[in-house]
PDB file of all heavy atoms in Angstrom:
ATOM      1  N   LYS A   1     137.625 126.843 124.356  1.00  0.00           N
ATOM      2  CA  LYS A   1     136.884 127.992 124.862  1.00  0.00           C
ATOM      3  C   LYS A   1     135.728 128.340 123.934  1.00  0.00           C
ATOM      4  O   LYS A   1     135.707 127.947 122.773  1.00  0.00           O
ATOM      5  CB  LYS A   1     137.802 129.201 125.021  1.00  0.00           C
ATOM      6  CG  LYS A   1     138.884 129.014 126.072  1.00  0.00           C
ATOM      7  CD  LYS A   1     139.645 130.305 126.308  1.00  0.00           C
ATOM      8  CE  LYS A   1     140.662 130.142 127.421  1.00  0.00           C
ATOM      9  NZ  LYS A   1     141.405 131.415 127.677  1.00  0.00           N
ATOM     10  N   GLN A   2     134.776 129.087 124.464  1.00  0.00           N
ATOM     11  CA  GLN A   2     133.659 129.536 123.647  1.00  0.00           C
ATOM     12  C   GLN A   2     134.081 130.683 122.738  1.00  0.00           C
ATOM     13  O   GLN A   2     135.024 131.425 123.029  1.00  0.00           O
ATOM     14  CB  GLN A   2     132.505 129.981 124.557  1.00  0.00           C
ATOM     15  CG  GLN A   2     131.806 128.844 125.270  1.00  0.00           C
ATOM     16  CD  GLN A   2     130.537 129.305 125.967  1.00  0.00           C
ATOM     17  OE1 GLN A   2     130.411 130.475 126.324  1.00  0.00           O
ATOM     18  NE2 GLN A   2     129.605 128.398 126.158  1.00  0.00           N
ATOM     19  N   ARG A   3     133.376 130.824 121.654  1.00  0.00           N
ATOM     20  CA  ARG A   3     133.609 131.942 120.750  1.00  0.00           C
ATOM     21  C   ARG A   3     133.222 133.236 121.471  1.00  0.00           C
ATOM     22  O   ARG A   3     132.187 133.292 122.128  1.00  0.00           O
ATOM     23  CB  ARG A   3     132.775 131.758 119.493  1.00  0.00           C
ATOM     24  CG  ARG A   3     133.104 132.706 118.360  1.00  0.00           C
ATOM     25  CD  ARG A   3     132.378 132.269 117.098  1.00  0.00           C
ATOM     26  NE  ARG A   3     132.869 130.985 116.611  1.00  0.00           N
ATOM     27  CZ  ARG A   3     132.315 130.310 115.615  1.00  0.00           C
ATOM     28  NH1 ARG A   3     131.237 130.774 115.021  1.00  0.00           N
ATOM     29  NH2 ARG A   3     132.820 129.154 115.226  1.00  0.00           N
ATOM     30  N   GLU A   4     134.059 134.246 121.328  1.00  0.00           N
ATOM     31  CA  GLU A   4     133.792 135.525 121.984  1.00  0.00           C
ATOM     32  C   GLU A   4     133.903 136.670 120.989  1.00  0.00           C
ATOM     33  O   GLU A   4     134.701 136.628 120.060  1.00  0.00           O
ATOM     34  CB  GLU A   4     134.775 135.758 123.142  1.00  0.00           C
ATOM     35  CG  GLU A   4     136.228 135.860 122.727  1.00  0.00           C
ATOM     36  CD  GLU A   4     137.152 136.304 123.846  1.00  0.00           C
ATOM     37  OE1 GLU A   4     136.672 136.857 124.866  1.00  0.00           O
ATOM     38  OE2 GLU A   4     138.376 136.118 123.699  1.00  0.00           O
ATOM     39  N   LEU A   5     133.116 137.693 121.235  1.00  0.00           N
ATOM     40  CA  LEU A   5     133.165 138.898 120.419  1.00  0.00           C
ATOM     41  C   LEU A   5     134.280 139.786 120.948  1.00  0.00           C
ATOM     42  O   LEU A   5     134.294 140.118 122.136  1.00  0.00           O
ATOM     43  CB  LEU A   5     131.829 139.631 120.495  1.00  0.00           C
ATOM     44  CG  LEU A   5     131.720 140.964 119.764  1.00  0.00           C
ATOM     45  CD1 LEU A   5     131.830 140.765 118.259  1.00  0.00           C
ATOM     46  CD2 LEU A   5     130.404 141.649 120.108  1.00  0.00           C
ATOM     47  N   VAL A   6     135.209 140.175 120.084  1.00  0.00           N
ATOM     48  CA  VAL A   6     136.317 141.001 120.548  1.00  0.00           C
ATOM     49  C   VAL A   6     136.204 142.453 120.107  1.00  0.00           C
ATOM     50  O   VAL A   6     136.761 143.342 120.767  1.00  0.00           O
ATOM     51  CB  VAL A   6     137.684 140.441 120.097  1.00  0.00           C
ATOM     52  CG1 VAL A   6     137.943 139.089 120.722  1.00  0.00           C
ATOM     53  CG2 VAL A   6     137.787 140.358 118.587  1.00  0.00           C
ATOM     54  N   ALA A   7     135.493 142.707 119.016  1.00  0.00           N
ATOM     55  CA  ALA A   7     135.348 144.072 118.547  1.00  0.00           C
ATOM     56  C   ALA A   7     134.147 144.154 117.620  1.00  0.00           C
ATOM     57  O   ALA A   7     133.833 143.174 116.936  1.00  0.00           O
ATOM     58  CB  ALA A   7     136.594 144.540 117.802  1.00  0.00           C
ATOM     59  N   ARG A   8     133.501 145.299 117.589  1.00  0.00           N
ATOM     60  CA  ARG A   8     132.376 145.475 116.680  1.00  0.00           C
ATOM     61  C   ARG A   8     132.359 146.918 116.173  1.00  0.00           C
ATOM     62  O   ARG A   8     132.879 147.826 116.816  1.00  0.00           O
ATOM     63  CB  ARG A   8     131.048 145.121 117.335  1.00  0.00           C
ATOM     64  CG  ARG A   8     130.719 145.918 118.556  1.00  0.00           C
ATOM     65  CD  ARG A   8     129.493 145.340 119.249  1.00  0.00           C
ATOM     66  NE  ARG A   8     129.196 146.013 120.502  1.00  0.00           N
ATOM     67  CZ  ARG A   8     128.370 145.552 121.417  1.00  0.00           C
ATOM     68  NH1 ARG A   8     127.744 144.389 121.229  1.00  0.00           N
ATOM     69  NH2 ARG A   8     128.148 146.232 122.514  1.00  0.00           N
ATOM     70  N   VAL A   9     131.754 147.072 115.008  1.00  0.00           N
ATOM     71  CA  VAL A   9     131.645 148.388 114.392  1.00  0.00           C
ATOM     72  C   VAL A   9     130.262 148.521 113.780  1.00  0.00           C
ATOM     73  O   VAL A   9     129.775 147.616 113.116  1.00  0.00           O
ATOM     74  CB  VAL A   9     132.763 148.603 113.332  1.00  0.00           C
ATOM     75  CG1 VAL A   9     132.726 147.535 112.248  1.00  0.00           C
ATOM     76  CG2 VAL A   9     132.708 150.003 112.759  1.00  0.00           C
ATOM     77  N   THR A  10     129.615 149.653 114.025  1.00  0.00           N
ATOM     78  CA  THR A  10     128.293 149.882 113.458  1.00  0.00           C
ATOM     79  C   THR A  10     128.415 150.239 111.979  1.00  0.00           C
ATOM     80  O   THR A  10     129.511 150.434 111.455  1.00  0.00           O
ATOM     81  CB  THR A  10     127.559 150.997 114.190  1.00  0.00           C
ATOM     82  OG1 THR A  10     128.243 152.235 113.913  1.00  0.00           O
ATOM     83  CG2 THR A  10     127.514 150.757 115.681  1.00  0.00           C
ATOM     84  N   LYS A  11     127.280 150.362 111.313  1.00  0.00           N
ATOM     85  CA  LYS A  11     127.304 150.676 109.893  1.00  0.00           C
ATOM     86  C   LYS A  11     127.855 152.071 109.638  1.00  0.00           C
ATOM     87  O   LYS A  11     128.308 152.358 108.535  1.00  0.00           O
ATOM     88  CB  LYS A  11     125.922 150.529 109.282  1.00  0.00           C
ATOM     89  CG  LYS A  11     124.858 151.437 109.859  1.00  0.00           C
ATOM     90  CD  LYS A  11     123.512 151.164 109.214  1.00  0.00           C
ATOM     91  CE  LYS A  11     122.428 152.064 109.782  1.00  0.00           C
ATOM     92  NZ  LYS A  11     121.106 151.789 109.153  1.00  0.00           N
ATOM     93  N   ILE A  12     127.866 152.921 110.654  1.00  0.00           N
ATOM     94  CA  ILE A  12     128.393 154.271 110.468  1.00  0.00           C
ATOM     95  C   ILE A  12     129.778 154.433 111.084  1.00  0.00           C
ATOM     96  O   ILE A  12     130.324 155.523 111.093  1.00  0.00           O
ATOM     97  CB  ILE A  12     127.450 155.346 111.042  1.00  0.00           C
ATOM     98  CG1 ILE A  12     127.238 155.150 112.540  1.00  0.00           C
ATOM     99  CG2 ILE A  12     126.127 155.347 110.287  1.00  0.00           C
ATOM    100  CD1 ILE A  12     126.506 156.296 113.203  1.00  0.00           C
ATOM    101  N   GLY A  13     130.347 153.345 111.618  1.00  0.00           N
ATOM    102  CA  GLY A  13     131.730 153.394 112.064  1.00  0.00           C
ATOM    103  C   GLY A  13     131.966 153.528 113.550  1.00  0.00           C
ATOM    104  O   GLY A  13     133.128 153.620 113.970  1.00  0.00           O
ATOM    105  N   THR A  14     130.933 153.506 114.348  1.00  0.00           N
ATOM    106  CA  THR A  14     131.117 153.531 115.804  1.00  0.00           C
ATOM    107  C   THR A  14     131.674 152.193 116.256  1.00  0.00           C
ATOM    108  O   THR A  14     131.178 151.151 115.851  1.00  0.00           O
ATOM    109  CB  THR A  14     129.798 153.822 116.516  1.00  0.00           C
ATOM    110  OG1 THR A  14     129.257 155.055 116.016  1.00  0.00           O
ATOM    111  CG2 THR A  14     130.008 153.932 118.016  1.00  0.00           C
ATOM    112  N   THR A  15     132.706 152.227 117.084  1.00  0.00           N
ATOM    113  CA  THR A  15     133.391 150.994 117.464  1.00  0.00           C
ATOM    114  C   THR A  15     133.270 150.692 118.961  1.00  0.00           C
ATOM    115  O   THR A  15     133.036 151.580 119.781  1.00  0.00           O
ATOM    116  CB  THR A  15     134.876 151.073 117.096  1.00  0.00           C
ATOM    117  OG1 THR A  15     135.462 152.203 117.764  1.00  0.00           O
ATOM    118  CG2 THR A  15     135.059 151.222 115.597  1.00  0.00           C
ATOM    119  N   ASP A  16     133.471 149.429 119.276  1.00  0.00           N
ATOM    120  CA  ASP A  16     133.401 148.959 120.658  1.00  0.00           C
ATOM    121  C   ASP A  16     134.316 147.748 120.764  1.00  0.00           C
ATOM    122  O   ASP A  16     134.391 146.945 119.812  1.00  0.00           O
ATOM    123  CB  ASP A  16     131.960 148.577 121.010  1.00  0.00           C
ATOM    124  CG  ASP A  16     131.794 148.280 122.482  1.00  0.00           C
ATOM    125  OD1 ASP A  16     132.570 148.817 123.296  1.00  0.00           O
ATOM    126  OD2 ASP A  16     130.883 147.498 122.829  1.00  0.00           O
ATOM    127  N   TYR A  17     135.025 147.623 121.902  1.00  0.00           N
ATOM    128  CA  TYR A  17     136.025 146.572 122.051  1.00  0.00           C
ATOM    129  C   TYR A  17     135.874 145.827 123.367  1.00  0.00           C
ATOM    130  O   TYR A  17     135.450 146.398 124.381  1.00  0.00           O
ATOM    131  CB  TYR A  17     137.436 147.182 121.997  1.00  0.00           C
ATOM    132  CG  TYR A  17     137.737 147.862 120.700  1.00  0.00           C
ATOM    133  CD1 TYR A  17     137.495 149.223 120.528  1.00  0.00           C
ATOM    134  CD2 TYR A  17     138.253 147.146 119.614  1.00  0.00           C
ATOM    135  CE1 TYR A  17     137.757 149.855 119.326  1.00  0.00           C
ATOM    136  CE2 TYR A  17     138.521 147.766 118.411  1.00  0.00           C
ATOM    137  CZ  TYR A  17     138.265 149.130 118.278  1.00  0.00           C
ATOM    138  OH  TYR A  17     138.526 149.740 117.078  1.00  0.00           O
ATOM    139  N   GLY A  18     136.275 144.573 123.344  1.00  0.00           N
ATOM    140  CA  GLY A  18     136.366 143.829 124.573  1.00  0.00           C
ATOM    141  C   GLY A  18     137.525 144.342 125.416  1.00  0.00           C
ATOM    142  O   GLY A  18     138.506 144.862 124.867  1.00  0.00           O
ATOM    143  N   ASP A  19     137.431 144.162 126.700  1.00  0.00           N
ATOM    144  CA  ASP A  19     138.456 144.693 127.600  1.00  0.00           C
ATOM    145  C   ASP A  19     139.842 144.116 127.298  1.00  0.00           C
ATOM    146  O   ASP A  19     140.855 144.806 127.447  1.00  0.00           O
ATOM    147  CB  ASP A  19     138.087 144.410 129.051  1.00  0.00           C
ATOM    148  CG  ASP A  19     136.917 145.268 129.529  1.00  0.00           C
ATOM    149  OD1 ASP A  19     136.640 146.312 128.902  1.00  0.00           O
ATOM    150  OD2 ASP A  19     136.289 144.883 130.530  1.00  0.00           O
ATOM    151  N   SER A  20     139.872 142.873 126.865  1.00  0.00           N
ATOM    152  CA  SER A  20     141.160 142.213 126.658  1.00  0.00           C
ATOM    153  C   SER A  20     141.919 142.747 125.451  1.00  0.00           C
ATOM    154  O   SER A  20     143.128 142.515 125.339  1.00  0.00           O
ATOM    155  CB  SER A  20     140.957 140.705 126.514  1.00  0.00           C
ATOM    156  OG  SER A  20     140.158 140.413 125.390  1.00  0.00           O
ATOM    157  N   VAL A  21     141.241 143.432 124.552  1.00  0.00           N
ATOM    158  CA  VAL A  21     141.908 143.923 123.340  1.00  0.00           C
ATOM    159  C   VAL A  21     141.880 145.434 123.213  1.00  0.00           C
ATOM    160  O   VAL A  21     142.493 145.997 122.306  1.00  0.00           O
ATOM    161  CB  VAL A  21     141.284 143.304 122.067  1.00  0.00           C
ATOM    162  CG1 VAL A  21     141.272 141.786 122.156  1.00  0.00           C
ATOM    163  CG2 VAL A  21     139.880 143.846 121.807  1.00  0.00           C
ATOM    164  N   LYS A  22     141.193 146.090 124.125  1.00  0.00           N
ATOM    165  CA  LYS A  22     141.058 147.549 124.058  1.00  0.00           C
ATOM    166  C   LYS A  22     142.435 148.205 124.092  1.00  0.00           C
ATOM    167  O   LYS A  22     143.287 147.853 124.902  1.00  0.00           O
ATOM    168  CB  LYS A  22     140.205 148.022 125.228  1.00  0.00           C
ATOM    169  CG  LYS A  22     139.596 149.394 125.058  1.00  0.00           C
ATOM    170  CD  LYS A  22     138.582 149.673 126.163  1.00  0.00           C
ATOM    171  CE  LYS A  22     137.389 148.754 126.085  1.00  0.00           C
ATOM    172  NZ  LYS A  22     136.347 149.068 127.106  1.00  0.00           N
ATOM    173  N   GLY A  23     142.642 149.131 123.173  1.00  0.00           N
ATOM    174  CA  GLY A  23     143.919 149.827 123.089  1.00  0.00           C
ATOM    175  C   GLY A  23     144.946 149.137 122.223  1.00  0.00           C
ATOM    176  O   GLY A  23     145.981 149.717 121.898  1.00  0.00           O
ATOM    177  N   ARG A  24     144.681 147.894 121.839  1.00  0.00           N
ATOM    178  CA  ARG A  24     145.624 147.136 120.994  1.00  0.00           C
ATOM    179  C   ARG A  24     145.039 146.808 119.633  1.00  0.00           C
ATOM    180  O   ARG A  24     145.776 146.756 118.642  1.00  0.00           O
ATOM    181  CB  ARG A  24     146.021 145.833 121.693  1.00  0.00           C
ATOM    182  CG  ARG A  24     146.685 146.026 123.028  1.00  0.00           C
ATOM    183  CD  ARG A  24     147.222 144.705 123.579  1.00  0.00           C
ATOM    184  NE  ARG A  24     146.159 143.729 123.823  1.00  0.00           N
ATOM    185  CZ  ARG A  24     146.105 142.533 123.233  1.00  0.00           C
ATOM    186  NH1 ARG A  24     147.041 142.173 122.370  1.00  0.00           N
ATOM    187  NH2 ARG A  24     145.117 141.701 123.529  1.00  0.00           N
ATOM    188  N   PHE A  25     143.746 146.572 119.571  1.00  0.00           N
ATOM    189  CA  PHE A  25     143.079 146.199 118.317  1.00  0.00           C
ATOM    190  C   PHE A  25     142.250 147.377 117.815  1.00  0.00           C
ATOM    191  O   PHE A  25     141.681 148.137 118.597  1.00  0.00           O
ATOM    192  CB  PHE A  25     142.142 145.011 118.532  1.00  0.00           C
ATOM    193  CG  PHE A  25     142.819 143.688 118.801  1.00  0.00           C
ATOM    194  CD1 PHE A  25     144.179 143.606 119.054  1.00  0.00           C
ATOM    195  CD2 PHE A  25     142.093 142.508 118.778  1.00  0.00           C
ATOM    196  CE1 PHE A  25     144.795 142.395 119.292  1.00  0.00           C
ATOM    197  CE2 PHE A  25     142.686 141.280 119.014  1.00  0.00           C
ATOM    198  CZ  PHE A  25     144.036 141.218 119.280  1.00  0.00           C
ATOM    199  N   THR A  26     142.155 147.469 116.484  1.00  0.00           N
ATOM    200  CA  THR A  26     141.318 148.484 115.854  1.00  0.00           C
ATOM    201  C   THR A  26     140.483 147.834 114.764  1.00  0.00           C
ATOM    202  O   THR A  26     141.034 147.237 113.833  1.00  0.00           O
ATOM    203  CB  THR A  26     142.168 149.605 115.242  1.00  0.00           C
ATOM    204  OG1 THR A  26     142.987 150.207 116.258  1.00  0.00           O
ATOM    205  CG2 THR A  26     141.268 150.682 114.630  1.00  0.00           C
ATOM    206  N   ILE A  27     139.182 147.968 114.881  1.00  0.00           N
ATOM    207  CA  ILE A  27     138.276 147.442 113.865  1.00  0.00           C
ATOM    208  C   ILE A  27     137.886 148.570 112.925  1.00  0.00           C
ATOM    209  O   ILE A  27     137.720 149.724 113.348  1.00  0.00           O
ATOM    210  CB  ILE A  27     137.029 146.795 114.521  1.00  0.00           C
ATOM    211  CG1 ILE A  27     136.182 146.066 113.481  1.00  0.00           C
ATOM    212  CG2 ILE A  27     136.206 147.835 115.281  1.00  0.00           C
ATOM    213  CD1 ILE A  27     135.060 145.223 114.102  1.00  0.00           C
ATOM    214  N   SER A  28     137.763 148.233 111.652  1.00  0.00           N
ATOM    215  CA  SER A  28     137.327 149.224 110.671  1.00  0.00           C
ATOM    216  C   SER A  28     136.611 148.503 109.539  1.00  0.00           C
ATOM    217  O   SER A  28     136.658 147.276 109.447  1.00  0.00           O
ATOM    218  CB  SER A  28     138.514 150.031 110.140  1.00  0.00           C
ATOM    219  OG  SER A  28     139.447 149.186 109.492  1.00  0.00           O
ATOM    220  N   ARG A  29     135.975 149.278 108.703  1.00  0.00           N
ATOM    221  CA  ARG A  29     135.230 148.681 107.595  1.00  0.00           C
ATOM    222  C   ARG A  29     135.301 149.586 106.375  1.00  0.00           C
ATOM    223  O   ARG A  29     135.428 150.812 106.492  1.00  0.00           O
ATOM    224  CB  ARG A  29     133.769 148.450 107.993  1.00  0.00           C
ATOM    225  CG  ARG A  29     132.980 149.704 108.267  1.00  0.00           C
ATOM    226  CD  ARG A  29     131.635 149.370 108.910  1.00  0.00           C
ATOM    227  NE  ARG A  29     130.812 148.554 108.037  1.00  0.00           N
ATOM    228  CZ  ARG A  29     129.755 147.852 108.452  1.00  0.00           C
ATOM    229  NH1 ARG A  29     129.405 147.872 109.739  1.00  0.00           N
ATOM    230  NH2 ARG A  29     129.051 147.135 107.598  1.00  0.00           N
ATOM    231  N   ASP A  30     135.217 148.964 105.212  1.00  0.00           N
ATOM    232  CA  ASP A  30     135.130 149.686 103.941  1.00  0.00           C
ATOM    233  C   ASP A  30     133.861 149.179 103.270  1.00  0.00           C
ATOM    234  O   ASP A  30     133.858 148.103 102.666  1.00  0.00           O
ATOM    235  CB  ASP A  30     136.368 149.410 103.092  1.00  0.00           C
ATOM    236  CG  ASP A  30     136.389 150.237 101.820  1.00  0.00           C
ATOM    237  OD1 ASP A  30     135.301 150.654 101.348  1.00  0.00           O
ATOM    238  OD2 ASP A  30     137.475 150.453 101.274  1.00  0.00           O
ATOM    239  N   ASN A  31     132.787 149.939 103.399  1.00  0.00           N
ATOM    240  CA  ASN A  31     131.505 149.476 102.862  1.00  0.00           C
ATOM    241  C   ASN A  31     131.521 149.402 101.336  1.00  0.00           C
ATOM    242  O   ASN A  31     130.798 148.599 100.745  1.00  0.00           O
ATOM    243  CB  ASN A  31     130.380 150.388 103.338  1.00  0.00           C
ATOM    244  CG  ASN A  31     130.071 150.210 104.817  1.00  0.00           C
ATOM    245  OD1 ASN A  31     130.364 149.157 105.402  1.00  0.00           O
ATOM    246  ND2 ASN A  31     129.510 151.227 105.442  1.00  0.00           N
ATOM    247  N   ALA A  32     132.311 150.213 100.702  1.00  0.00           N
ATOM    248  CA  ALA A  32     132.387 150.174  99.237  1.00  0.00           C
ATOM    249  C   ALA A  32     133.001 148.867  98.754  1.00  0.00           C
ATOM    250  O   ALA A  32     132.700 148.400  97.651  1.00  0.00           O
ATOM    251  CB  ALA A  32     133.201 151.347  98.723  1.00  0.00           C
ATOM    252  N   LYS A  33     133.854 148.280  99.592  1.00  0.00           N
ATOM    253  CA  LYS A  33     134.507 147.014  99.242  1.00  0.00           C
ATOM    254  C   LYS A  33     133.888 145.814  99.972  1.00  0.00           C
ATOM    255  O   LYS A  33     134.392 144.699  99.837  1.00  0.00           O
ATOM    256  CB  LYS A  33     135.999 147.088  99.570  1.00  0.00           C
ATOM    257  CG  LYS A  33     136.757 148.123  98.761  1.00  0.00           C
ATOM    258  CD  LYS A  33     138.242 148.117  99.121  1.00  0.00           C
ATOM    259  CE  LYS A  33     139.012 149.109  98.289  1.00  0.00           C
ATOM    260  NZ  LYS A  33     140.468 149.116  98.637  1.00  0.00           N
TER     261      LYS A  33
END
């Protein structure tokens, strides 16, 4: 299969998810690390 985007997060923490993972996956980031 082709590579697909499943979740993304902006530099300020706004998140967006693919339909197949929504409600099950959580993306987050630690910019300090």
